[in-house]
């Protein structure tokens, strides 16, 4: 698949000690107290506490799912940061 055929977002996932992911993705899915949500290209600015798990929708069409007890997500100008 040609990466130019869709819009992408920059995703940074970090713990205190290290960066777990830093790159371009198609989308990011997670959950908060209101339920599941997706972050896509041109998503509104957004801050939330996330829980349960998250899914990275990679540019090549694969998905990477990780469990998380709790974290904070910040979305701003097509950049997603998870702490």
C-alpha atoms as a PDB file:
ATOM      1  CA  UNK A   1       0.000   0.000   0.000  1.00  0.00           C
ATOM      2  CA  UNK A   2       1.255   3.458  -0.891  1.00  0.00           C
ATOM      3  CA  UNK A   3       1.632   5.546   2.290  1.00  0.00           C
ATOM      4  CA  UNK A   4       0.593   8.644   0.319  1.00  0.00           C
ATOM      5  CA  UNK A   5      -2.947   7.307  -0.202  1.00  0.00           C
ATOM      6  CA  UNK A   6      -4.108   8.253   3.304  1.00  0.00           C
ATOM      7  CA  UNK A   7      -3.420  10.836   5.960  1.00  0.00           C
ATOM      8  CA  UNK A   8      -1.354   9.922   8.989  1.00  0.00           C
ATOM      9  CA  UNK A   9      -0.667  11.138  12.494  1.00  0.00           C
ATOM     10  CA  UNK A  10       2.508  11.213  14.572  1.00  0.00           C
ATOM     11  CA  UNK A  11       2.386   9.005  17.675  1.00  0.00           C
ATOM     12  CA  UNK A  12       4.747   9.145  20.645  1.00  0.00           C
ATOM     13  CA  UNK A  13       4.277   6.653  23.497  1.00  0.00           C
ATOM     14  CA  UNK A  14       6.629   7.025  26.414  1.00  0.00           C
ATOM     15  CA  UNK A  15       7.220   5.766  29.904  1.00  0.00           C
ATOM     16  CA  UNK A  16       9.356   7.585  32.447  1.00  0.00           C
ATOM     17  CA  UNK A  17      12.415   5.539  31.529  1.00  0.00           C
ATOM     18  CA  UNK A  18      12.042   5.126  27.771  1.00  0.00           C
ATOM     19  CA  UNK A  19      10.195   5.754  24.543  1.00  0.00           C
ATOM     20  CA  UNK A  20       8.020   2.789  23.525  1.00  0.00           C
ATOM     21  CA  UNK A  21       6.954   4.112  20.109  1.00  0.00           C
ATOM     22  CA  UNK A  22       7.783   7.182  18.030  1.00  0.00           C
ATOM     23  CA  UNK A  23       6.524   7.298  14.463  1.00  0.00           C
ATOM     24  CA  UNK A  24       3.766   7.822  11.920  1.00  0.00           C
ATOM     25  CA  UNK A  25       0.535   5.772  12.124  1.00  0.00           C
ATOM     26  CA  UNK A  26      -2.894   5.655  10.463  1.00  0.00           C
ATOM     27  CA  UNK A  27      -4.837   5.793  13.735  1.00  0.00           C
ATOM     28  CA  UNK A  28      -4.765   5.138  17.471  1.00  0.00           C
ATOM     29  CA  UNK A  29      -7.563   3.440  19.447  1.00  0.00           C
ATOM     30  CA  UNK A  30      -7.992   3.397  23.223  1.00  0.00           C
ATOM     31  CA  UNK A  31     -10.566   3.597  26.046  1.00  0.00           C
ATOM     32  CA  UNK A  32     -11.473   6.047  28.753  1.00  0.00           C
ATOM     33  CA  UNK A  33     -14.300   6.237  31.295  1.00  0.00           C
ATOM     34  CA  UNK A  34     -16.797   6.979  28.504  1.00  0.00           C
ATOM     35  CA  UNK A  35     -15.775   4.043  26.299  1.00  0.00           C
ATOM     36  CA  UNK A  36     -13.644   3.288  23.263  1.00  0.00           C
ATOM     37  CA  UNK A  37     -12.458   6.037  20.924  1.00  0.00           C
ATOM     38  CA  UNK A  38     -10.306   6.447  17.809  1.00  0.00           C
ATOM     39  CA  UNK A  39      -7.815   9.174  17.027  1.00  0.00           C
ATOM     40  CA  UNK A  40      -7.583   9.858  13.296  1.00  0.00           C
ATOM     41  CA  UNK A  41      -5.986  12.515  11.099  1.00  0.00           C
ATOM     42  CA  UNK A  42      -7.217  16.037  11.963  1.00  0.00           C
ATOM     43  CA  UNK A  43      -8.775  14.914  15.262  1.00  0.00           C
ATOM     44  CA  UNK A  44      -9.827  17.754  17.559  1.00  0.00           C
ATOM     45  CA  UNK A  45      -7.437  18.735  20.340  1.00  0.00           C
ATOM     46  CA  UNK A  46      -8.054  16.285  23.157  1.00  0.00           C
ATOM     47  CA  UNK A  47      -6.720  15.282  26.585  1.00  0.00           C
ATOM     48  CA  UNK A  48      -7.931  12.248  28.542  1.00  0.00           C
ATOM     49  CA  UNK A  49      -6.981   9.565  31.006  1.00  0.00           C
ATOM     50  CA  UNK A  50      -6.902   6.215  29.206  1.00  0.00           C
ATOM     51  CA  UNK A  51      -7.180   2.684  30.569  1.00  0.00           C
ATOM     52  CA  UNK A  52      -7.453  -1.002  29.616  1.00  0.00           C
ATOM     53  CA  UNK A  53      -5.497  -1.092  26.355  1.00  0.00           C
ATOM     54  CA  UNK A  54      -4.619   0.709  23.181  1.00  0.00           C
ATOM     55  CA  UNK A  55      -4.225  -0.251  19.550  1.00  0.00           C
ATOM     56  CA  UNK A  56      -1.786   1.268  17.079  1.00  0.00           C
ATOM     57  CA  UNK A  57      -3.011   1.114  13.465  1.00  0.00           C
ATOM     58  CA  UNK A  58       0.280   0.914  11.561  1.00  0.00           C
ATOM     59  CA  UNK A  59       0.845   2.373   8.093  1.00  0.00           C
ATOM     60  CA  UNK A  60       1.275  -1.112   6.603  1.00  0.00           C
ATOM     61  CA  UNK A  61      -2.227  -2.138   7.734  1.00  0.00           C
ATOM     62  CA  UNK A  62      -1.118  -4.207  10.738  1.00  0.00           C
ATOM     63  CA  UNK A  63      -2.267  -3.501  14.282  1.00  0.00           C
ATOM     64  CA  UNK A  64      -0.281  -3.544  17.511  1.00  0.00           C
ATOM     65  CA  UNK A  65      -2.276  -3.905  20.731  1.00  0.00           C
ATOM     66  CA  UNK A  66      -0.867  -3.248  24.196  1.00  0.00           C
ATOM     67  CA  UNK A  67      -2.407  -3.386  27.666  1.00  0.00           C
ATOM     68  CA  UNK A  68      -2.197  -0.347  29.913  1.00  0.00           C
ATOM     69  CA  UNK A  69      -3.387   0.160  33.470  1.00  0.00           C
ATOM     70  CA  UNK A  70      -3.672   3.914  33.134  1.00  0.00           C
ATOM     71  CA  UNK A  71      -2.131   6.677  31.074  1.00  0.00           C
ATOM     72  CA  UNK A  72      -2.685  10.157  29.737  1.00  0.00           C
ATOM     73  CA  UNK A  73      -3.261  10.927  26.072  1.00  0.00           C
ATOM     74  CA  UNK A  74      -2.843  14.347  24.492  1.00  0.00           C
ATOM     75  CA  UNK A  75      -3.835  15.103  20.909  1.00  0.00           C
ATOM     76  CA  UNK A  76      -2.781  18.355  19.315  1.00  0.00           C
ATOM     77  CA  UNK A  77      -2.260  19.266  15.648  1.00  0.00           C
ATOM     78  CA  UNK A  78      -2.056  15.649  14.375  1.00  0.00           C
ATOM     79  CA  UNK A  79       0.398  14.690  17.116  1.00  0.00           C
ATOM     80  CA  UNK A  80      -0.641  12.106  19.694  1.00  0.00           C
ATOM     81  CA  UNK A  81       1.376  11.736  22.886  1.00  0.00           C
ATOM     82  CA  UNK A  82       0.713   8.975  25.424  1.00  0.00           C
ATOM     83  CA  UNK A  83       2.358   9.011  28.859  1.00  0.00           C
END
